[in-house]
N, C-alpha and C. Protein backbone atom coordinates (compact mmCIF):
# COMPACT_ATOMS: atom_id res chain seq x y z
N MET A 1 -5.23 21.15 47.77
CA MET A 1 -4.05 20.91 46.95
C MET A 1 -4.41 21.10 45.48
N ARG A 2 -3.60 21.90 44.77
CA ARG A 2 -3.94 22.24 43.39
C ARG A 2 -4.01 21.01 42.48
N ALA A 3 -3.08 20.08 42.65
CA ALA A 3 -3.06 18.89 41.79
C ALA A 3 -4.34 18.09 41.96
N ALA A 4 -4.79 17.93 43.19
CA ALA A 4 -6.02 17.18 43.44
C ALA A 4 -7.22 17.89 42.84
N ALA A 5 -7.24 19.23 42.94
CA ALA A 5 -8.33 20.01 42.35
C ALA A 5 -8.35 19.87 40.83
N LEU A 6 -7.18 19.88 40.22
CA LEU A 6 -7.10 19.73 38.77
C LEU A 6 -7.64 18.38 38.33
N CYS A 7 -7.34 17.36 39.11
CA CYS A 7 -7.81 16.00 38.78
C CYS A 7 -9.34 15.90 38.85
N LYS A 8 -9.96 16.80 39.60
CA LYS A 8 -11.43 16.82 39.66
C LYS A 8 -12.04 17.66 38.54
N VAL A 9 -11.34 18.72 38.17
CA VAL A 9 -11.87 19.64 37.17
C VAL A 9 -11.65 19.14 35.74
N PHE A 10 -10.47 18.61 35.47
CA PHE A 10 -10.12 18.21 34.11
C PHE A 10 -11.12 17.23 33.47
N PRO A 11 -11.62 16.23 34.21
CA PRO A 11 -12.56 15.29 33.57
C PRO A 11 -13.83 15.97 33.07
N ARG A 12 -14.22 17.08 33.70
CA ARG A 12 -15.41 17.80 33.25
C ARG A 12 -15.09 18.65 32.01
N ILE A 13 -13.86 19.15 31.93
CA ILE A 13 -13.47 19.98 30.80
C ILE A 13 -13.16 19.14 29.57
N TYR A 14 -12.44 18.06 29.79
CA TYR A 14 -12.01 17.19 28.68
C TYR A 14 -12.38 15.73 28.96
N PRO A 15 -13.66 15.42 28.90
CA PRO A 15 -14.08 14.04 29.20
C PRO A 15 -13.61 13.03 28.17
N ASP A 16 -13.20 13.50 27.00
CA ASP A 16 -12.76 12.59 25.93
C ASP A 16 -11.26 12.67 25.69
N ALA A 17 -10.50 13.19 26.65
CA ALA A 17 -9.05 13.31 26.48
C ALA A 17 -8.43 11.95 26.19
N HIS A 18 -7.55 11.92 25.18
CA HIS A 18 -6.96 10.66 24.75
C HIS A 18 -5.70 10.95 23.95
N CYS A 19 -4.97 9.91 23.63
CA CYS A 19 -3.80 10.04 22.76
C CYS A 19 -4.29 10.43 21.37
N GLU A 20 -3.73 11.51 20.83
CA GLU A 20 -4.21 12.00 19.54
C GLU A 20 -3.42 11.45 18.35
N LEU A 21 -2.52 10.53 18.61
CA LEU A 21 -1.89 9.79 17.53
C LEU A 21 -2.80 8.62 17.17
N ASN A 22 -3.05 8.43 15.88
CA ASN A 22 -3.93 7.34 15.45
C ASN A 22 -3.15 6.03 15.39
N PHE A 23 -3.71 4.98 15.98
CA PHE A 23 -3.06 3.68 15.98
C PHE A 23 -4.08 2.59 16.27
N SER A 24 -3.75 1.37 15.87
CA SER A 24 -4.63 0.24 16.16
C SER A 24 -3.87 -0.94 16.78
N SER A 25 -2.59 -0.74 17.08
CA SER A 25 -1.78 -1.79 17.69
C SER A 25 -0.60 -1.16 18.41
N PRO A 26 0.03 -1.88 19.34
CA PRO A 26 1.23 -1.34 20.00
C PRO A 26 2.33 -0.96 19.02
N LEU A 27 2.51 -1.76 17.96
CA LEU A 27 3.55 -1.44 16.98
C LEU A 27 3.23 -0.12 16.27
N GLU A 28 1.99 0.07 15.88
CA GLU A 28 1.62 1.31 15.21
C GLU A 28 1.83 2.51 16.12
N LEU A 29 1.49 2.36 17.40
CA LEU A 29 1.69 3.48 18.33
C LEU A 29 3.17 3.74 18.54
N LEU A 30 3.98 2.70 18.62
CA LEU A 30 5.42 2.87 18.79
C LEU A 30 6.00 3.64 17.60
N ILE A 31 5.64 3.23 16.39
CA ILE A 31 6.15 3.91 15.20
C ILE A 31 5.67 5.36 15.16
N ALA A 32 4.38 5.58 15.42
CA ALA A 32 3.83 6.94 15.38
C ALA A 32 4.50 7.84 16.42
N THR A 33 4.80 7.29 17.59
CA THR A 33 5.41 8.10 18.64
C THR A 33 6.85 8.45 18.29
N ILE A 34 7.57 7.51 17.72
CA ILE A 34 8.93 7.82 17.24
C ILE A 34 8.88 8.94 16.21
N LEU A 35 7.91 8.88 15.31
CA LEU A 35 7.78 9.90 14.27
C LEU A 35 7.37 11.26 14.83
N SER A 36 6.71 11.26 15.98
CA SER A 36 6.15 12.51 16.52
C SER A 36 7.19 13.42 17.16
N ALA A 37 8.40 12.94 17.36
CA ALA A 37 9.44 13.77 17.96
C ALA A 37 9.69 15.00 17.07
N GLN A 38 9.58 16.18 17.66
CA GLN A 38 9.75 17.45 16.94
C GLN A 38 8.86 17.55 15.71
N CYS A 39 7.67 16.98 15.82
CA CYS A 39 6.70 16.99 14.72
C CYS A 39 5.31 16.94 15.35
N THR A 40 4.34 17.55 14.72
CA THR A 40 3.00 17.58 15.29
C THR A 40 2.28 16.25 15.08
N ASP A 41 1.37 15.93 15.98
CA ASP A 41 0.55 14.73 15.82
C ASP A 41 -0.27 14.81 14.54
N VAL A 42 -0.71 16.00 14.20
CA VAL A 42 -1.51 16.18 12.98
C VAL A 42 -0.72 15.73 11.76
N GLN A 43 0.53 16.15 11.68
CA GLN A 43 1.35 15.77 10.53
C GLN A 43 1.64 14.27 10.53
N VAL A 44 1.91 13.72 11.70
CA VAL A 44 2.16 12.28 11.79
C VAL A 44 0.93 11.50 11.33
N ASN A 45 -0.25 11.95 11.74
CA ASN A 45 -1.48 11.25 11.37
C ASN A 45 -1.78 11.33 9.87
N LYS A 46 -1.17 12.28 9.18
CA LYS A 46 -1.34 12.36 7.73
C LYS A 46 -0.49 11.30 7.02
N VAL A 47 0.63 10.96 7.64
CA VAL A 47 1.58 10.03 7.02
C VAL A 47 1.29 8.57 7.37
N THR A 48 0.84 8.32 8.60
CA THR A 48 0.76 6.94 9.07
C THR A 48 -0.29 6.05 8.39
N PRO A 49 -1.42 6.56 7.88
CA PRO A 49 -2.35 5.64 7.22
C PRO A 49 -1.70 4.85 6.09
N GLY A 50 -1.00 5.53 5.21
CA GLY A 50 -0.32 4.85 4.11
C GLY A 50 0.84 4.01 4.60
N LEU A 51 1.54 4.52 5.61
CA LEU A 51 2.68 3.80 6.17
C LEU A 51 2.24 2.49 6.80
N PHE A 52 1.18 2.54 7.60
CA PHE A 52 0.71 1.33 8.29
C PHE A 52 0.12 0.31 7.32
N GLN A 53 -0.39 0.78 6.21
CA GLN A 53 -0.91 -0.14 5.20
C GLN A 53 0.22 -0.86 4.48
N LYS A 54 1.33 -0.15 4.28
CA LYS A 54 2.47 -0.71 3.56
C LYS A 54 3.34 -1.59 4.44
N TYR A 55 3.54 -1.15 5.70
CA TYR A 55 4.39 -1.89 6.63
C TYR A 55 3.52 -2.41 7.78
N CYS A 56 3.20 -3.69 7.73
CA CYS A 56 2.23 -4.25 8.68
C CYS A 56 2.87 -4.89 9.91
N THR A 57 4.13 -5.29 9.79
CA THR A 57 4.80 -5.98 10.89
C THR A 57 6.16 -5.34 11.16
N ALA A 58 6.75 -5.70 12.30
CA ALA A 58 8.08 -5.21 12.62
C ALA A 58 9.09 -5.68 11.58
N ARG A 59 8.92 -6.89 11.07
CA ARG A 59 9.83 -7.39 10.04
C ARG A 59 9.75 -6.55 8.77
N ASP A 60 8.56 -6.08 8.44
CA ASP A 60 8.41 -5.23 7.25
C ASP A 60 9.30 -3.98 7.36
N TYR A 61 9.31 -3.37 8.54
CA TYR A 61 10.16 -2.19 8.74
C TYR A 61 11.63 -2.57 8.77
N ALA A 62 11.94 -3.65 9.48
CA ALA A 62 13.33 -4.08 9.64
C ALA A 62 13.99 -4.41 8.30
N GLU A 63 13.22 -4.96 7.38
CA GLU A 63 13.76 -5.38 6.09
C GLU A 63 13.46 -4.39 4.96
N ALA A 64 12.92 -3.24 5.33
CA ALA A 64 12.59 -2.23 4.31
C ALA A 64 13.86 -1.67 3.68
N ASP A 65 13.78 -1.32 2.42
CA ASP A 65 14.88 -0.64 1.75
C ASP A 65 15.04 0.73 2.41
N PRO A 66 16.24 1.06 2.90
CA PRO A 66 16.44 2.33 3.61
C PRO A 66 15.97 3.56 2.82
N ALA A 67 16.31 3.60 1.56
CA ALA A 67 15.93 4.76 0.74
C ALA A 67 14.42 4.84 0.57
N GLN A 68 13.79 3.68 0.42
CA GLN A 68 12.33 3.67 0.25
C GLN A 68 11.62 4.11 1.52
N LEU A 69 12.11 3.64 2.67
CA LEU A 69 11.48 4.04 3.94
C LEU A 69 11.67 5.54 4.16
N GLU A 70 12.83 6.05 3.85
CA GLU A 70 13.05 7.50 3.95
C GLU A 70 12.07 8.24 3.05
N HIS A 71 11.88 7.73 1.85
CA HIS A 71 10.93 8.37 0.93
C HIS A 71 9.52 8.36 1.51
N ASP A 72 9.14 7.26 2.14
CA ASP A 72 7.80 7.15 2.71
C ASP A 72 7.60 8.08 3.90
N LEU A 73 8.71 8.51 4.52
CA LEU A 73 8.64 9.38 5.70
C LEU A 73 9.04 10.82 5.39
N ARG A 74 9.20 11.16 4.13
CA ARG A 74 9.79 12.45 3.75
C ARG A 74 8.98 13.65 4.24
N ALA A 75 7.69 13.47 4.53
CA ALA A 75 6.86 14.59 5.01
C ALA A 75 7.05 14.84 6.50
N ILE A 76 7.84 13.99 7.16
CA ILE A 76 8.07 14.10 8.60
C ILE A 76 9.43 14.74 8.85
N GLY A 77 9.49 15.62 9.81
CA GLY A 77 10.77 16.23 10.18
C GLY A 77 11.77 15.19 10.64
N LEU A 78 13.04 15.40 10.31
CA LEU A 78 14.13 14.48 10.68
C LEU A 78 13.88 13.07 10.17
N TYR A 79 13.28 12.97 8.98
CA TYR A 79 12.83 11.66 8.49
C TYR A 79 13.98 10.68 8.26
N ARG A 80 15.16 11.15 7.90
CA ARG A 80 16.26 10.21 7.66
C ARG A 80 16.69 9.52 8.95
N ASN A 81 16.86 10.29 9.99
CA ASN A 81 17.26 9.71 11.27
C ASN A 81 16.15 8.82 11.83
N LYS A 82 14.90 9.24 11.66
CA LYS A 82 13.78 8.45 12.16
C LYS A 82 13.64 7.13 11.40
N ALA A 83 13.88 7.17 10.09
CA ALA A 83 13.83 5.94 9.30
C ALA A 83 14.90 4.97 9.78
N LYS A 84 16.09 5.49 10.06
CA LYS A 84 17.19 4.66 10.55
C LYS A 84 16.83 4.04 11.90
N ASN A 85 16.27 4.85 12.81
CA ASN A 85 15.90 4.34 14.12
C ASN A 85 14.78 3.31 14.04
N ILE A 86 13.81 3.55 13.18
CA ILE A 86 12.70 2.62 13.05
C ILE A 86 13.17 1.26 12.53
N ARG A 87 14.05 1.27 11.54
CA ARG A 87 14.58 0.02 11.02
C ARG A 87 15.35 -0.73 12.11
N ALA A 88 16.21 -0.01 12.84
CA ALA A 88 17.00 -0.64 13.91
C ALA A 88 16.11 -1.12 15.05
N CYS A 89 15.12 -0.31 15.40
CA CYS A 89 14.17 -0.67 16.45
C CYS A 89 13.43 -1.95 16.10
N CYS A 90 12.94 -2.00 14.90
CA CYS A 90 12.15 -3.17 14.49
C CYS A 90 13.02 -4.40 14.26
N ARG A 91 14.29 -4.21 13.91
CA ARG A 91 15.22 -5.33 13.82
C ARG A 91 15.39 -5.97 15.19
N LEU A 92 15.49 -5.14 16.23
CA LEU A 92 15.61 -5.67 17.59
C LEU A 92 14.32 -6.35 18.03
N LEU A 93 13.17 -5.80 17.62
CA LEU A 93 11.89 -6.44 17.94
C LEU A 93 11.83 -7.84 17.32
N VAL A 94 12.30 -7.95 16.08
CA VAL A 94 12.28 -9.25 15.39
C VAL A 94 13.26 -10.22 16.04
N ASP A 95 14.46 -9.73 16.33
CA ASP A 95 15.53 -10.61 16.83
C ASP A 95 15.33 -11.03 18.27
N GLU A 96 14.75 -10.15 19.10
CA GLU A 96 14.69 -10.45 20.53
C GLU A 96 13.28 -10.57 21.10
N HIS A 97 12.26 -10.13 20.34
CA HIS A 97 10.90 -10.13 20.89
C HIS A 97 9.88 -10.75 19.96
N GLU A 98 10.35 -11.57 19.03
CA GLU A 98 9.46 -12.25 18.08
C GLU A 98 8.55 -11.28 17.33
N GLY A 99 9.08 -10.08 17.10
CA GLY A 99 8.35 -9.08 16.34
C GLY A 99 7.29 -8.33 17.12
N GLN A 100 7.21 -8.59 18.43
CA GLN A 100 6.19 -7.95 19.25
C GLN A 100 6.78 -6.81 20.07
N VAL A 101 5.98 -5.81 20.33
CA VAL A 101 6.41 -4.69 21.17
C VAL A 101 6.38 -5.12 22.63
N PRO A 102 7.50 -5.03 23.34
CA PRO A 102 7.51 -5.45 24.75
C PRO A 102 6.69 -4.50 25.62
N ALA A 103 6.15 -5.03 26.69
CA ALA A 103 5.28 -4.24 27.57
C ALA A 103 5.97 -3.89 28.88
N SER A 104 7.25 -3.54 28.80
CA SER A 104 7.96 -3.12 30.01
C SER A 104 8.85 -1.93 29.68
N MET A 105 9.02 -1.05 30.66
CA MET A 105 9.87 0.12 30.48
C MET A 105 11.30 -0.29 30.18
N GLU A 106 11.82 -1.26 30.92
CA GLU A 106 13.21 -1.69 30.75
C GLU A 106 13.49 -2.15 29.33
N GLU A 107 12.59 -2.92 28.76
CA GLU A 107 12.81 -3.44 27.40
C GLU A 107 12.55 -2.38 26.34
N LEU A 108 11.58 -1.52 26.56
CA LEU A 108 11.26 -0.49 25.56
C LEU A 108 12.41 0.50 25.39
N VAL A 109 13.00 0.96 26.48
CA VAL A 109 14.04 1.98 26.36
C VAL A 109 15.33 1.43 25.79
N ARG A 110 15.42 0.13 25.62
CA ARG A 110 16.57 -0.47 24.95
C ARG A 110 16.45 -0.38 23.43
N LEU A 111 15.26 -0.07 22.95
CA LEU A 111 15.03 -0.01 21.51
C LEU A 111 15.59 1.29 20.94
N PRO A 112 16.27 1.24 19.79
CA PRO A 112 16.77 2.46 19.16
C PRO A 112 15.65 3.46 18.90
N GLY A 113 15.91 4.72 19.23
CA GLY A 113 14.93 5.77 19.00
C GLY A 113 13.85 5.87 20.05
N VAL A 114 13.95 5.05 21.10
CA VAL A 114 12.91 5.04 22.14
C VAL A 114 13.51 5.50 23.47
N GLY A 115 12.99 6.62 23.97
CA GLY A 115 13.37 7.10 25.28
C GLY A 115 12.23 6.89 26.26
N ARG A 116 12.37 7.43 27.44
CA ARG A 116 11.35 7.21 28.47
C ARG A 116 9.99 7.80 28.07
N LYS A 117 10.00 8.97 27.41
CA LYS A 117 8.72 9.56 27.02
C LYS A 117 7.97 8.66 26.05
N THR A 118 8.66 8.19 25.02
CA THR A 118 8.03 7.29 24.05
C THR A 118 7.54 6.02 24.74
N ALA A 119 8.36 5.48 25.63
CA ALA A 119 7.97 4.27 26.35
C ALA A 119 6.72 4.51 27.19
N ASN A 120 6.64 5.67 27.84
CA ASN A 120 5.45 6.00 28.63
C ASN A 120 4.20 6.09 27.76
N VAL A 121 4.35 6.66 26.56
CA VAL A 121 3.21 6.75 25.64
C VAL A 121 2.71 5.36 25.29
N VAL A 122 3.63 4.48 24.93
CA VAL A 122 3.26 3.13 24.52
C VAL A 122 2.67 2.33 25.68
N LEU A 123 3.32 2.38 26.83
CA LEU A 123 2.84 1.62 27.99
C LEU A 123 1.47 2.11 28.45
N GLY A 124 1.30 3.42 28.48
CA GLY A 124 0.04 3.97 28.98
C GLY A 124 -1.12 3.80 28.04
N ASN A 125 -0.87 3.92 26.73
CA ASN A 125 -1.97 3.95 25.77
C ASN A 125 -2.18 2.64 25.02
N ALA A 126 -1.14 1.85 24.85
CA ALA A 126 -1.29 0.57 24.17
C ALA A 126 -1.48 -0.58 25.15
N PHE A 127 -0.89 -0.45 26.35
CA PHE A 127 -0.95 -1.54 27.32
C PHE A 127 -1.69 -1.19 28.61
N GLY A 128 -2.14 0.06 28.74
CA GLY A 128 -2.89 0.44 29.94
C GLY A 128 -2.09 0.40 31.22
N GLN A 129 -0.78 0.64 31.10
CA GLN A 129 0.09 0.61 32.29
C GLN A 129 0.52 2.03 32.66
N ASN A 130 0.24 2.43 33.88
CA ASN A 130 0.65 3.74 34.38
C ASN A 130 2.01 3.62 35.05
N ILE A 131 3.05 3.60 34.23
CA ILE A 131 4.41 3.45 34.74
C ILE A 131 5.05 4.81 35.00
N GLY A 132 4.64 5.82 34.24
CA GLY A 132 5.18 7.15 34.39
C GLY A 132 4.25 8.17 33.77
N VAL A 133 4.70 9.42 33.71
CA VAL A 133 3.92 10.51 33.14
C VAL A 133 4.64 11.01 31.89
N VAL A 134 3.93 11.08 30.79
CA VAL A 134 4.52 11.62 29.56
C VAL A 134 4.76 13.12 29.74
N VAL A 135 5.98 13.55 29.54
CA VAL A 135 6.30 14.98 29.64
C VAL A 135 6.76 15.48 28.28
N ASP A 136 5.85 16.10 27.54
CA ASP A 136 6.22 16.74 26.29
C ASP A 136 6.25 18.25 26.52
N THR A 137 6.32 19.03 25.45
CA THR A 137 6.43 20.48 25.62
C THR A 137 5.19 21.07 26.29
N HIS A 138 4.00 20.53 25.97
CA HIS A 138 2.77 21.03 26.57
C HIS A 138 2.74 20.73 28.08
N VAL A 139 3.08 19.50 28.42
CA VAL A 139 3.07 19.10 29.84
C VAL A 139 4.09 19.91 30.63
N ALA A 140 5.25 20.13 30.05
CA ALA A 140 6.28 20.93 30.74
C ALA A 140 5.80 22.37 30.95
N ARG A 141 5.23 22.95 29.89
CA ARG A 141 4.78 24.35 29.97
C ARG A 141 3.66 24.52 30.98
N LEU A 142 2.65 23.65 30.92
CA LEU A 142 1.51 23.80 31.81
C LEU A 142 1.84 23.42 33.25
N SER A 143 2.76 22.51 33.44
CA SER A 143 3.17 22.16 34.80
C SER A 143 3.77 23.38 35.50
N ALA A 144 4.49 24.20 34.73
CA ALA A 144 5.06 25.43 35.29
C ALA A 144 3.98 26.49 35.48
N ARG A 145 3.16 26.71 34.45
CA ARG A 145 2.14 27.76 34.55
C ARG A 145 1.11 27.49 35.64
N LEU A 146 0.83 26.22 35.86
CA LEU A 146 -0.15 25.86 36.90
C LEU A 146 0.47 25.74 38.27
N GLY A 147 1.77 26.04 38.36
CA GLY A 147 2.43 26.05 39.65
C GLY A 147 2.67 24.67 40.25
N LEU A 148 2.73 23.66 39.41
CA LEU A 148 2.95 22.30 39.91
C LEU A 148 4.42 22.04 40.17
N THR A 149 5.30 22.68 39.42
CA THR A 149 6.73 22.51 39.61
C THR A 149 7.48 23.65 38.93
N GLN A 150 8.67 23.96 39.45
CA GLN A 150 9.55 24.93 38.82
C GLN A 150 10.66 24.24 38.05
N GLU A 151 10.66 22.92 38.06
CA GLU A 151 11.67 22.17 37.33
C GLU A 151 11.49 22.38 35.82
N THR A 152 12.58 22.33 35.09
CA THR A 152 12.54 22.48 33.63
C THR A 152 13.00 21.21 32.91
N ASP A 153 13.70 20.34 33.61
CA ASP A 153 14.16 19.10 33.01
C ASP A 153 13.00 18.09 32.99
N PRO A 154 12.69 17.51 31.83
CA PRO A 154 11.55 16.59 31.72
C PRO A 154 11.59 15.45 32.74
N LYS A 155 12.77 14.90 33.01
CA LYS A 155 12.86 13.80 33.96
C LYS A 155 12.48 14.26 35.37
N LYS A 156 12.91 15.46 35.73
CA LYS A 156 12.57 15.99 37.06
C LYS A 156 11.10 16.38 37.14
N ILE A 157 10.56 16.93 36.03
CA ILE A 157 9.13 17.26 35.99
C ILE A 157 8.31 15.99 36.19
N GLU A 158 8.69 14.93 35.51
CA GLU A 158 7.95 13.68 35.64
C GLU A 158 7.96 13.18 37.09
N LEU A 159 9.10 13.24 37.75
CA LEU A 159 9.18 12.78 39.13
C LEU A 159 8.26 13.57 40.04
N VAL A 160 8.20 14.89 39.82
CA VAL A 160 7.31 15.75 40.62
C VAL A 160 5.85 15.35 40.39
N LEU A 161 5.47 15.22 39.12
CA LEU A 161 4.07 14.88 38.79
C LEU A 161 3.69 13.51 39.32
N MET A 162 4.63 12.58 39.32
CA MET A 162 4.35 11.24 39.84
C MET A 162 4.06 11.26 41.34
N LYS A 163 4.63 12.25 42.02
CA LYS A 163 4.36 12.40 43.46
C LYS A 163 3.04 13.11 43.72
N LEU A 164 2.67 14.04 42.83
CA LEU A 164 1.47 14.85 43.03
C LEU A 164 0.19 14.17 42.56
N ILE A 165 0.29 13.35 41.51
CA ILE A 165 -0.89 12.78 40.86
C ILE A 165 -1.04 11.31 41.21
N PRO A 166 -2.24 10.85 41.53
CA PRO A 166 -2.45 9.42 41.80
C PRO A 166 -2.00 8.58 40.60
N GLN A 167 -1.38 7.45 40.86
CA GLN A 167 -0.79 6.65 39.79
C GLN A 167 -1.81 6.24 38.73
N GLU A 168 -3.03 5.94 39.15
CA GLU A 168 -4.02 5.50 38.17
C GLU A 168 -4.40 6.60 37.18
N LYS A 169 -3.97 7.85 37.45
CA LYS A 169 -4.28 8.97 36.57
C LYS A 169 -3.05 9.48 35.81
N TRP A 170 -1.92 8.82 35.93
CA TRP A 170 -0.69 9.33 35.31
C TRP A 170 -0.84 9.51 33.80
N THR A 171 -1.33 8.50 33.12
CA THR A 171 -1.48 8.59 31.66
C THR A 171 -2.52 9.65 31.30
N LEU A 172 -3.64 9.63 31.99
CA LEU A 172 -4.72 10.55 31.69
C LEU A 172 -4.33 11.99 32.00
N PHE A 173 -3.56 12.20 33.06
CA PHE A 173 -3.19 13.56 33.42
C PHE A 173 -2.37 14.22 32.32
N SER A 174 -1.48 13.46 31.70
CA SER A 174 -0.71 14.05 30.59
C SER A 174 -1.63 14.39 29.42
N HIS A 175 -2.64 13.54 29.17
CA HIS A 175 -3.61 13.85 28.11
C HIS A 175 -4.37 15.14 28.43
N TRP A 176 -4.76 15.30 29.67
CA TRP A 176 -5.48 16.53 30.07
C TRP A 176 -4.63 17.76 29.82
N LEU A 177 -3.36 17.71 30.25
CA LEU A 177 -2.48 18.86 30.05
C LEU A 177 -2.23 19.12 28.57
N ILE A 178 -2.04 18.07 27.78
CA ILE A 178 -1.81 18.24 26.35
C ILE A 178 -3.04 18.82 25.66
N PHE A 179 -4.22 18.30 26.01
CA PHE A 179 -5.46 18.85 25.45
C PHE A 179 -5.58 20.33 25.78
N HIS A 180 -5.34 20.68 27.04
CA HIS A 180 -5.47 22.08 27.46
C HIS A 180 -4.41 22.95 26.79
N GLY A 181 -3.21 22.42 26.65
CA GLY A 181 -2.14 23.18 26.02
C GLY A 181 -2.40 23.45 24.55
N ARG A 182 -3.05 22.51 23.88
CA ARG A 182 -3.33 22.69 22.46
C ARG A 182 -4.58 23.52 22.21
N ARG A 183 -5.50 23.50 23.13
CA ARG A 183 -6.80 24.14 22.90
C ARG A 183 -6.97 25.48 23.62
N ARG A 184 -6.27 25.68 24.72
CA ARG A 184 -6.50 26.89 25.51
C ARG A 184 -5.19 27.58 25.93
N CYS A 185 -4.30 26.83 26.54
CA CYS A 185 -3.10 27.44 27.13
C CYS A 185 -1.90 27.29 26.19
N LYS A 186 -1.98 27.98 25.06
CA LYS A 186 -0.93 27.88 24.05
C LYS A 186 0.32 28.65 24.50
N ALA A 187 1.44 28.31 23.88
CA ALA A 187 2.71 28.88 24.32
C ALA A 187 2.75 30.40 24.17
N GLN A 188 2.36 30.91 22.99
CA GLN A 188 2.49 32.33 22.71
C GLN A 188 1.29 33.16 23.12
N ASN A 189 0.10 32.63 22.89
CA ASN A 189 -1.11 33.41 23.17
C ASN A 189 -2.11 32.60 23.98
N PRO A 190 -1.84 32.38 25.26
CA PRO A 190 -2.79 31.63 26.09
C PRO A 190 -4.12 32.37 26.20
N ASP A 191 -5.19 31.62 26.08
CA ASP A 191 -6.53 32.23 26.13
C ASP A 191 -7.00 32.32 27.58
N CYS A 192 -6.32 33.16 28.35
CA CYS A 192 -6.61 33.28 29.78
C CYS A 192 -8.04 33.78 30.08
N PRO A 193 -8.58 34.75 29.33
CA PRO A 193 -9.92 35.23 29.65
C PRO A 193 -10.99 34.14 29.62
N ASN A 194 -10.81 33.14 28.77
CA ASN A 194 -11.81 32.07 28.66
C ASN A 194 -11.36 30.76 29.29
N CYS A 195 -10.27 30.80 30.03
CA CYS A 195 -9.71 29.57 30.58
C CYS A 195 -10.56 29.01 31.70
N GLU A 196 -10.84 27.72 31.59
CA GLU A 196 -11.65 27.03 32.60
C GLU A 196 -10.88 26.82 33.91
N LEU A 197 -9.56 27.01 33.87
CA LEU A 197 -8.73 26.77 35.06
C LEU A 197 -8.28 28.05 35.74
N ARG A 198 -8.86 29.18 35.35
CA ARG A 198 -8.34 30.45 35.86
C ARG A 198 -8.39 30.56 37.38
N ASP A 199 -9.37 29.91 38.02
CA ASP A 199 -9.46 29.99 39.48
C ASP A 199 -8.39 29.14 40.17
N LEU A 200 -7.78 28.21 39.40
CA LEU A 200 -6.75 27.34 39.97
C LEU A 200 -5.35 27.71 39.51
N CYS A 201 -5.26 28.65 38.58
CA CYS A 201 -3.98 28.93 37.92
C CYS A 201 -3.28 30.14 38.54
N PRO A 202 -2.10 29.94 39.13
CA PRO A 202 -1.37 31.07 39.72
C PRO A 202 -0.81 32.03 38.67
N SER A 203 -0.77 31.60 37.41
CA SER A 203 -0.27 32.47 36.34
C SER A 203 -1.35 33.38 35.76
N TYR A 204 -2.60 33.10 36.10
CA TYR A 204 -3.72 33.85 35.52
C TYR A 204 -3.61 35.36 35.78
N PRO A 205 -3.36 35.81 36.99
CA PRO A 205 -3.26 37.27 37.21
C PRO A 205 -2.14 37.91 36.41
N LYS A 206 -1.01 37.22 36.31
CA LYS A 206 0.13 37.78 35.58
C LYS A 206 -0.20 37.94 34.09
N PHE A 207 -0.79 36.91 33.51
CA PHE A 207 -1.11 36.97 32.09
C PHE A 207 -2.21 38.00 31.81
N MET A 208 -3.18 38.12 32.72
CA MET A 208 -4.24 39.10 32.52
C MET A 208 -3.69 40.52 32.64
N LYS A 209 -2.72 40.70 33.50
CA LYS A 209 -2.08 42.02 33.62
C LYS A 209 -1.37 42.37 32.32
N LEU A 210 -0.70 41.40 31.72
CA LEU A 210 -0.03 41.63 30.45
C LEU A 210 -1.04 41.93 29.35
N GLU A 211 -2.20 41.28 29.42
CA GLU A 211 -3.25 41.52 28.42
C GLU A 211 -3.69 42.98 28.43
N ARG A 212 -3.77 43.56 29.62
CA ARG A 212 -4.24 44.95 29.73
C ARG A 212 -3.26 45.93 29.13
N PHE A 213 -1.99 45.53 29.01
CA PHE A 213 -0.99 46.44 28.48
C PHE A 213 -0.75 46.25 26.99
N LYS A 214 -1.47 45.32 26.37
CA LYS A 214 -1.32 45.11 24.93
C LYS A 214 -1.95 46.25 24.14
């Protein structure tokens, strides 16, 4: 089974695979993940050091001046909407969770600006809970290229991966795919000739054929 083979190969290729958003608490990871929507982790990591130093608690965000928070996030795409969501999210954390990030899917997805993907990131990386599989653009692309699923909807992709991958590896499997997508199997120019997964990848012959016609 290809999924089982990938779970054996990936640890050798990416033994240090991890969440590439910098954080030191569940709140920091929650904020960073909200900011990462339609924005690179690299850009988010440039903004969050100063942000986390200025806003240390959920109350700090909830009571922040809207214009000032927008200014602090101006280097992030969609910063106005994200600032609004962060303030509303942290207001709910203060009002209903004593300022703490809840450790359940049901409570997380009730927070403004938090969908299932963000909740999976927080649960898997801040709380060590394998509740689901994070499906971002890299995971969606590689799931198709590796022949794991033909689904295109993130929710359906996640359901397929949850059936194929052992639950204890759900969080790590998304890290493996993201690492590979960023380092080898890029959207426009996948490095198929040097790919460590070429013997397992059904897309390898097709891409190599296209390479010969370039």
